[in-house]
Amino acid sequence: MFTGIIASLGSFRGYRQGKKEMALEAPALEGRLAVGDSLAVNGVCLSLVRVESGSLVFNLSQETLERTNLGSLHPGQELNLELPLTLAAPLSGHLVSGHVDFKARLLRSTPRTPGKRLVFSLPRAFRPYFVPKGSVAVNGVSLTVAALRRTDFEVELIPVTLEKSNLRALRSGDEVNVECDLVGKYVYNWIQCRAKND
């Protein structure tokens, strides 16, 4: 479990065995991860399989390649990294599972002093999980839904988010990983199941 508060940035080093594995460099996390430990990479929960020449190596399943942007990275690309939540840590963002729901495209980016407003595509199937001022994780970053329409949603980035995450480098057309609010998904599912049983 994560909170969507990015602790550090890593750098993509390359794929291994086709795209069955990925390697990244994360100097800030040196010595803090053991084989089998979890790490959120661009919002995707991955398990460390080995350390190789200073790089952290993770498995990539076919599901991960299809549902997230981790299958289309280029060497040197920045990655948002977050260690798992501990019971002693403050919940500064919102509950994030690291299980990405869909990929969205950046439709437009607009400067909005002192930050920036981003508009992303929203597939119809996931629209019920969004509410105005609700929570959403984009590339693992906990954000608030600033505006919501039928086929897109907006978020506003404050300076600290631009500084500490890879969202600052996004350009129109780029794909991001989106995880809908975990609590919202459970509530919606419960309501749907009750409606079917009534």
Protein backbone atom coordinates (compact mmCIF):
# COMPACT_ATOMS: atom_id res chain seq x y z
CA MET A 1 0.00 0.00 0.00
CA PHE A 2 1.21 3.50 -0.88
CA THR A 3 0.10 7.10 -0.37
CA GLY A 4 0.94 8.76 -3.68
CA ILE A 5 3.59 11.01 -2.16
CA ILE A 6 6.66 10.59 -4.34
CA ALA A 7 9.82 10.05 -2.30
CA SER A 8 12.36 10.16 -5.10
CA LEU A 9 12.95 9.92 -8.82
CA GLY A 10 14.69 7.05 -10.56
CA SER A 11 16.08 6.61 -14.04
CA PHE A 12 15.12 3.84 -16.49
CA ARG A 13 18.16 1.78 -17.51
CA GLY A 14 16.61 -0.70 -19.93
CA TYR A 15 14.70 -3.93 -20.44
CA ARG A 16 15.97 -7.47 -19.90
CA GLN A 17 14.82 -10.73 -21.54
CA GLY A 18 12.78 -8.86 -24.11
CA LYS A 19 10.48 -6.94 -21.79
CA LYS A 20 10.09 -9.54 -19.06
CA GLU A 21 12.24 -7.41 -16.76
CA MET A 22 13.11 -3.76 -16.37
CA ALA A 23 16.11 -2.16 -14.70
CA LEU A 24 16.25 1.25 -13.07
CA GLU A 25 18.74 3.36 -11.20
CA ALA A 26 17.68 4.85 -7.88
CA PRO A 27 20.64 6.22 -5.87
CA ALA A 28 18.34 7.65 -3.19
CA LEU A 29 17.06 4.15 -2.39
CA GLU A 30 20.45 2.44 -2.22
CA GLY A 31 20.51 -0.09 0.61
CA ARG A 32 16.82 0.41 1.43
CA LEU A 33 15.40 -2.43 -0.66
CA ALA A 34 15.93 -6.19 -0.37
CA VAL A 35 14.97 -8.84 -2.91
CA GLY A 36 11.21 -9.38 -2.69
CA ASP A 37 10.46 -5.86 -1.41
CA SER A 38 7.83 -3.74 -3.15
CA LEU A 39 8.35 -0.39 -4.83
CA ALA A 40 5.83 1.79 -6.66
CA VAL A 41 7.31 2.72 -10.04
CA ASN A 42 5.20 5.32 -11.87
CA GLY A 43 2.40 4.14 -9.62
CA VAL A 44 2.86 0.43 -10.40
CA CYS A 45 3.62 -1.91 -7.50
CA LEU A 46 6.64 -4.04 -8.48
CA SER A 47 8.75 -6.55 -6.54
CA LEU A 48 12.54 -6.36 -6.60
CA VAL A 49 14.04 -9.56 -8.08
CA ARG A 50 17.73 -8.65 -7.96
CA VAL A 51 20.32 -5.90 -7.84
CA GLU A 52 22.57 -5.92 -10.89
CA SER A 53 25.57 -3.60 -11.36
CA GLY A 54 23.95 -0.89 -9.28
CA SER A 55 20.56 -1.24 -10.97
CA LEU A 56 17.33 -2.48 -9.41
CA VAL A 57 15.69 -5.17 -11.54
CA PHE A 58 11.95 -5.94 -11.50
CA ASN A 59 9.72 -8.44 -13.31
CA LEU A 60 7.12 -7.13 -15.76
CA SER A 61 4.04 -9.27 -16.35
CA GLN A 62 2.05 -9.17 -19.58
CA GLU A 63 -0.78 -7.48 -17.65
CA THR A 64 1.62 -4.75 -16.52
CA LEU A 65 2.91 -4.21 -20.05
CA GLU A 66 -0.62 -3.91 -21.44
CA ARG A 67 -2.21 -1.79 -18.70
CA THR A 68 0.63 0.61 -17.83
CA ASN A 69 3.24 2.80 -19.49
CA LEU A 70 6.15 0.69 -18.21
CA GLY A 71 6.40 -1.13 -21.55
CA SER A 72 7.18 2.01 -23.56
CA LEU A 73 10.01 3.63 -21.62
CA HIS A 74 13.23 4.98 -23.11
CA PRO A 75 16.71 4.95 -21.49
CA GLY A 76 17.21 7.78 -19.04
CA GLN A 77 13.49 8.47 -18.62
CA GLU A 78 12.56 9.68 -15.14
CA LEU A 79 10.38 7.42 -12.99
CA ASN A 80 8.36 8.31 -9.90
CA LEU A 81 9.33 6.06 -6.98
CA GLU A 82 7.62 5.45 -3.65
CA LEU A 83 8.41 2.97 -0.89
CA PRO A 84 5.43 1.18 0.73
CA LEU A 85 3.49 2.85 3.52
CA THR A 86 4.35 1.81 7.07
CA LEU A 87 2.06 2.02 10.08
CA ALA A 88 4.37 4.67 11.54
CA ALA A 89 4.16 6.95 8.47
CA PRO A 90 1.65 9.78 8.03
CA LEU A 91 -0.98 9.30 5.32
CA SER A 92 -0.21 12.54 3.48
CA GLY A 93 -1.88 11.63 0.17
CA HIS A 94 -4.56 8.95 -0.18
CA LEU A 95 -4.59 5.15 -0.17
CA VAL A 96 -2.93 3.90 -3.37
CA SER A 97 -2.64 0.17 -4.08
CA GLY A 98 -0.19 0.30 -6.98
CA HIS A 99 -2.69 -1.56 -9.20
CA VAL A 100 -3.17 0.69 -12.23
CA ASP A 101 -6.67 0.86 -13.72
CA PHE A 102 -5.91 2.38 -17.12
CA LYS A 103 -3.57 4.46 -19.22
CA ALA A 104 -4.63 8.02 -20.04
CA ARG A 105 -3.26 10.48 -22.54
CA LEU A 106 -2.36 14.06 -21.72
CA LEU A 107 -4.70 16.16 -23.84
CA ARG A 108 -3.36 19.57 -22.88
CA SER A 109 -1.19 21.38 -20.37
CA THR A 110 -1.78 24.96 -19.30
CA PRO A 111 0.44 27.10 -17.04
CA ARG A 112 -1.52 28.27 -14.01
CA THR A 113 0.61 30.34 -11.67
CA PRO A 114 2.25 29.14 -9.55
CA GLY A 115 1.70 25.64 -11.00
CA LYS A 116 0.16 23.94 -13.99
CA ARG A 117 -3.23 22.47 -15.03
CA LEU A 118 -3.25 19.13 -16.88
CA VAL A 119 -6.17 17.56 -18.77
CA PHE A 120 -6.23 13.79 -19.30
CA SER A 121 -8.46 11.48 -21.32
CA LEU A 122 -10.97 9.40 -19.33
CA PRO A 123 -12.36 6.11 -20.70
CA ARG A 124 -16.12 5.84 -20.26
CA ALA A 125 -15.83 2.59 -18.28
CA PHE A 126 -13.92 4.35 -15.48
CA ARG A 127 -16.02 7.53 -15.28
CA PRO A 128 -18.16 6.19 -12.35
CA TYR A 129 -15.06 6.06 -10.11
CA PHE A 130 -14.40 9.79 -10.44
CA VAL A 131 -16.00 12.60 -8.46
CA PRO A 132 -15.17 16.33 -8.44
CA LYS A 133 -12.56 17.07 -5.76
CA GLY A 134 -12.00 13.33 -5.34
CA SER A 135 -8.61 11.60 -5.31
CA VAL A 136 -6.76 10.05 -8.24
CA ALA A 137 -3.21 8.75 -8.68
CA VAL A 138 -1.43 9.78 -11.90
CA ASN A 139 1.94 8.06 -12.44
CA GLY A 140 1.71 7.27 -8.75
CA VAL A 141 1.19 10.88 -7.65
CA SER A 142 -1.75 11.57 -5.34
CA LEU A 143 -3.80 14.37 -6.92
CA THR A 144 -7.21 16.00 -6.59
CA VAL A 145 -9.69 15.96 -9.47
CA ALA A 146 -9.97 19.69 -10.21
CA ALA A 147 -12.57 19.36 -12.98
CA LEU A 148 -14.51 16.44 -14.41
CA ARG A 149 -16.32 15.89 -17.68
CA ARG A 150 -17.70 12.88 -19.55
CA THR A 151 -14.48 12.00 -21.39
CA ASP A 152 -11.69 13.82 -19.54
CA PHE A 153 -10.55 15.05 -16.14
CA GLU A 154 -8.28 17.82 -14.91
CA VAL A 155 -5.72 18.03 -12.14
CA GLU A 156 -3.74 20.98 -10.87
CA LEU A 157 -0.06 20.62 -10.03
CA ILE A 158 1.50 22.77 -7.34
CA PRO A 159 5.20 23.73 -7.51
CA VAL A 160 6.36 20.99 -5.11
CA THR A 161 4.67 18.32 -7.27
CA LEU A 162 6.30 19.72 -10.40
CA GLU A 163 9.66 19.71 -8.64
CA LYS A 164 9.51 16.22 -7.16
CA SER A 165 7.73 14.17 -9.86
CA ASN A 166 8.06 13.36 -13.55
CA LEU A 167 4.71 15.02 -14.29
CA ARG A 168 6.59 18.25 -15.01
CA ALA A 169 8.05 16.73 -18.21
CA LEU A 170 4.76 15.51 -19.71
CA ARG A 171 3.83 16.66 -23.20
CA SER A 172 0.54 16.41 -25.08
CA GLY A 173 -0.02 12.81 -26.20
CA ASP A 174 2.12 11.25 -23.45
CA GLU A 175 0.60 8.29 -21.64
CA VAL A 176 0.31 8.13 -17.85
CA ASN A 177 -0.78 5.44 -15.41
CA VAL A 178 -4.04 6.16 -13.62
CA GLU A 179 -5.34 4.48 -10.48
CA CYS A 180 -8.85 5.43 -9.40
CA ASP A 181 -9.58 6.08 -5.75
CA LEU A 182 -9.46 2.73 -3.94
CA VAL A 183 -12.23 3.52 -1.46
CA GLY A 184 -14.43 4.90 -4.24
CA LYS A 185 -14.10 1.68 -6.24
CA TYR A 186 -15.19 -0.46 -3.30
CA VAL A 187 -18.15 1.82 -2.52
CA TYR A 188 -19.28 1.83 -6.16
CA ASN A 189 -18.98 -1.94 -6.40
CA TRP A 190 -20.96 -2.42 -3.16
CA ILE A 191 -23.75 -0.15 -4.43
CA GLN A 192 -23.86 -1.97 -7.78
CA CYS A 193 -24.04 -5.38 -6.10
CA ARG A 194 -26.84 -4.22 -3.78
CA ALA A 195 -28.80 -2.81 -6.72
CA LYS A 196 -28.56 -6.14 -8.56
CA ASN A 197 -29.72 -8.09 -5.51
CA ASP A 198 -32.71 -5.85 -4.72
